[in-house]
Amino acid sequence: MIRTVAFGIVCLAGLGAIAAAAKKSPPPRPAEIGFPVTAGNKADRLPISSNRETTTQVEKLNVVYIPPTEEHRSFRLNRCREHQKKQNLRRLLTSLTAIGTIRTI
């Protein structure tokens, strides 16, 4: 019975403390509405829009194909041959490694 009375007193004290804290706290302040800072001219209040001049007349554009020179062709051909040689060497080394003729380090 004493425990029940003590428990009731503690609960009432807790409720009193909550009520006192609620009364002392100030009411919440309304949210402030912030306005953008202006420089004083109308430019900062006008909407941003594109005022670029659009051309109304179509301009002609001539496209010309210039075939590659002989020097360029020979360079590409040599480069392609070097690449093929490297690939063939890789294939040979891979096949020899696979059959056990060459051991990799």
C-alpha atoms as a PDB file:
ATOM      1  CA  MET A   1       0.000   0.000   0.000  1.00  0.00           C
ATOM      2  CA  ILE A   2       2.851   2.387   0.824  1.00  0.00           C
ATOM      3  CA  ARG A   3       4.438   1.641  -2.534  1.00  0.00           C
ATOM      4  CA  THR A   4       1.235   2.530  -4.355  1.00  0.00           C
ATOM      5  CA  VAL A   5       0.912   5.848  -2.541  1.00  0.00           C
ATOM      6  CA  ALA A   6       4.580   6.656  -3.206  1.00  0.00           C
ATOM      7  CA  PHE A   7       4.142   5.797  -6.877  1.00  0.00           C
ATOM      8  CA  GLY A   8       1.064   8.082  -7.077  1.00  0.00           C
ATOM      9  CA  ILE A   9       2.957  10.975  -5.460  1.00  0.00           C
ATOM     10  CA  VAL A  10       5.866  10.579  -7.920  1.00  0.00           C
ATOM     11  CA  CYS A  11       3.450  10.541 -10.879  1.00  0.00           C
ATOM     12  CA  LEU A  12       1.646  13.655  -9.646  1.00  0.00           C
ATOM     13  CA  ALA A  13       4.964  15.423  -9.157  1.00  0.00           C
ATOM     14  CA  GLY A  14       5.980  14.493 -12.706  1.00  0.00           C
ATOM     15  CA  LEU A  15       2.706  15.804 -14.126  1.00  0.00           C
ATOM     16  CA  GLY A  16       3.125  19.020 -12.143  1.00  0.00           C
ATOM     17  CA  ALA A  17       6.625  19.491 -13.511  1.00  0.00           C
ATOM     18  CA  ILE A  18       5.408  18.968 -17.062  1.00  0.00           C
ATOM     19  CA  ALA A  19       2.551  21.449 -16.574  1.00  0.00           C
ATOM     20  CA  ALA A  20       4.885  24.047 -15.066  1.00  0.00           C
ATOM     21  CA  ALA A  21       7.357  23.693 -17.947  1.00  0.00           C
ATOM     22  CA  ALA A  22       4.544  24.071 -20.459  1.00  0.00           C
ATOM     23  CA  LYS A  23       3.320  27.277 -18.821  1.00  0.00           C
ATOM     24  CA  LYS A  24       6.774  28.859 -18.643  1.00  0.00           C
ATOM     25  CA  SER A  25       7.778  28.154 -22.244  1.00  0.00           C
ATOM     26  CA  PRO A  26       7.025  31.061 -24.578  1.00  0.00           C
ATOM     27  CA  PRO A  27       4.665  30.468 -27.474  1.00  0.00           C
ATOM     28  CA  PRO A  28       6.373  29.511 -30.701  1.00  0.00           C
ATOM     29  CA  ARG A  29       7.317  32.490 -32.867  1.00  0.00           C
ATOM     30  CA  PRO A  30       5.781  32.686 -36.313  1.00  0.00           C
ATOM     31  CA  ALA A  31       8.129  31.792 -39.117  1.00  0.00           C
ATOM     32  CA  GLU A  32       9.816  34.801 -40.668  1.00  0.00           C
ATOM     33  CA  ILE A  33       9.426  35.252 -44.373  1.00  0.00           C
ATOM     34  CA  GLY A  34      12.668  36.289 -45.998  1.00  0.00           C
ATOM     35  CA  PHE A  35      12.673  38.511 -49.027  1.00  0.00           C
ATOM     36  CA  PRO A  36      15.519  38.568 -51.520  1.00  0.00           C
ATOM     37  CA  VAL A  37      17.986  41.398 -51.197  1.00  0.00           C
ATOM     38  CA  THR A  38      17.736  43.773 -54.121  1.00  0.00           C
ATOM     39  CA  ALA A  39      20.349  46.068 -55.561  1.00  0.00           C
ATOM     40  CA  GLY A  40      17.870  48.861 -56.130  1.00  0.00           C
ATOM     41  CA  ASN A  41      17.438  48.533 -59.866  1.00  0.00           C
ATOM     42  CA  LYS A  42      14.801  46.676 -61.861  1.00  0.00           C
ATOM     43  CA  ALA A  43      17.260  44.154 -63.261  1.00  0.00           C
ATOM     44  CA  ASP A  44      17.169  42.026 -60.130  1.00  0.00           C
ATOM     45  CA  ARG A  45      13.359  41.871 -60.177  1.00  0.00           C
ATOM     46  CA  LEU A  46      12.834  41.136 -63.868  1.00  0.00           C
ATOM     47  CA  PRO A  47      12.488  37.522 -65.006  1.00  0.00           C
ATOM     48  CA  ILE A  48      15.490  36.030 -66.722  1.00  0.00           C
ATOM     49  CA  SER A  49      14.775  35.476 -70.392  1.00  0.00           C
ATOM     50  CA  SER A  50      16.797  34.913 -73.491  1.00  0.00           C
ATOM     51  CA  ASN A  51      16.806  37.967 -75.748  1.00  0.00           C
ATOM     52  CA  ARG A  52      19.189  36.567 -78.304  1.00  0.00           C
ATOM     53  CA  GLU A  53      18.455  37.597 -81.810  1.00  0.00           C
ATOM     54  CA  THR A  54      17.251  34.715 -83.909  1.00  0.00           C
ATOM     55  CA  THR A  55      18.148  34.643 -87.557  1.00  0.00           C
ATOM     56  CA  THR A  56      15.177  34.564 -89.842  1.00  0.00           C
ATOM     57  CA  GLN A  57      17.177  33.901 -92.972  1.00  0.00           C
ATOM     58  CA  VAL A  58      18.900  30.611 -93.584  1.00  0.00           C
ATOM     59  CA  GLU A  59      22.610  30.859 -94.165  1.00  0.00           C
ATOM     60  CA  LYS A  60      24.121  28.460 -96.670  1.00  0.00           C
ATOM     61  CA  LEU A  61      26.924  26.190 -95.638  1.00  0.00           C
ATOM     62  CA  ASN A  62      29.005  24.347 -98.188  1.00  0.00           C
ATOM     63  CA  VAL A  63      30.437  21.025 -97.096  1.00  0.00           C
ATOM     64  CA  VAL A  64      33.296  19.595 -99.110  1.00  0.00           C
ATOM     65  CA  TYR A  65      34.879  16.152 -98.757  1.00  0.00           C
ATOM     66  CA  ILE A  66      38.655  16.139 -99.047  1.00  0.00           C
ATOM     67  CA  PRO A  67      40.047  12.644 -99.588  1.00  0.00           C
ATOM     68  CA  PRO A  68      43.049  11.630 -97.475  1.00  0.00           C
ATOM     69  CA  THR A  69      46.484  12.160 -98.968  1.00  0.00           C
ATOM     70  CA  GLU A  70      48.787   9.334 -99.964  1.00  0.00           C
ATOM     71  CA  GLU A  71      51.014  10.087 -96.959  1.00  0.00           C
ATOM     72  CA  HIS A  72      48.069   9.637 -94.615  1.00  0.00           C
ATOM     73  CA  ARG A  73      47.083   6.355 -96.277  1.00  0.00           C
ATOM     74  CA  SER A  74      50.591   4.917 -95.979  1.00  0.00           C
ATOM     75  CA  PHE A  75      50.790   5.953 -92.307  1.00  0.00           C
ATOM     76  CA  ARG A  76      47.490   4.217 -91.521  1.00  0.00           C
ATOM     77  CA  LEU A  77      48.508   1.119 -93.496  1.00  0.00           C
ATOM     78  CA  ASN A  78      51.842   0.831 -91.627  1.00  0.00           C
ATOM     79  CA  ARG A  79      50.104   1.322 -88.309  1.00  0.00           C
ATOM     80  CA  CYS A  80      47.569  -1.368 -89.178  1.00  0.00           C
ATOM     81  CA  ARG A  81      50.348  -3.792 -90.185  1.00  0.00           C
ATOM     82  CA  GLU A  82      52.198  -3.158 -86.884  1.00  0.00           C
ATOM     83  CA  HIS A  83      49.010  -3.820 -84.974  1.00  0.00           C
ATOM     84  CA  GLN A  84      48.440  -7.080 -86.867  1.00  0.00           C
ATOM     85  CA  LYS A  85      52.024  -8.180 -86.141  1.00  0.00           C
ATOM     86  CA  LYS A  86      51.521  -7.545 -82.414  1.00  0.00           C
ATOM     87  CA  GLN A  87      48.257  -9.475 -82.422  1.00  0.00           C
ATOM     88  CA  ASN A  88      49.829 -12.412 -84.261  1.00  0.00           C
ATOM     89  CA  LEU A  89      52.732 -12.460 -81.780  1.00  0.00           C
ATOM     90  CA  ARG A  90      50.291 -12.444 -78.834  1.00  0.00           C
ATOM     91  CA  ARG A  91      48.303 -15.307 -80.363  1.00  0.00           C
ATOM     92  CA  LEU A  92      51.487 -17.312 -80.936  1.00  0.00           C
ATOM     93  CA  LEU A  93      52.701 -16.755 -77.366  1.00  0.00           C
ATOM     94  CA  THR A  94      49.269 -17.639 -75.977  1.00  0.00           C
ATOM     95  CA  SER A  95      49.081 -20.860 -77.977  1.00  0.00           C
ATOM     96  CA  LEU A  96      52.663 -21.869 -77.058  1.00  0.00           C
ATOM     97  CA  THR A  97      51.969 -21.140 -73.400  1.00  0.00           C
ATOM     98  CA  ALA A  98      48.773 -23.188 -73.568  1.00  0.00           C
ATOM     99  CA  ILE A  99      50.572 -26.276 -74.903  1.00  0.00           C
ATOM    100  CA  GLY A 100      53.410 -25.879 -72.420  1.00  0.00           C
ATOM    101  CA  THR A 101      56.225 -25.021 -74.806  1.00  0.00           C
ATOM    102  CA  ILE A 102      56.902 -21.661 -73.135  1.00  0.00           C
ATOM    103  CA  ARG A 103      56.578 -21.056 -69.428  1.00  0.00           C
ATOM    104  CA  THR A 104      55.569 -17.598 -68.293  1.00  0.00           C
ATOM    105  CA  ILE A 105      57.489 -15.911 -65.541  1.00  0.00           C
END
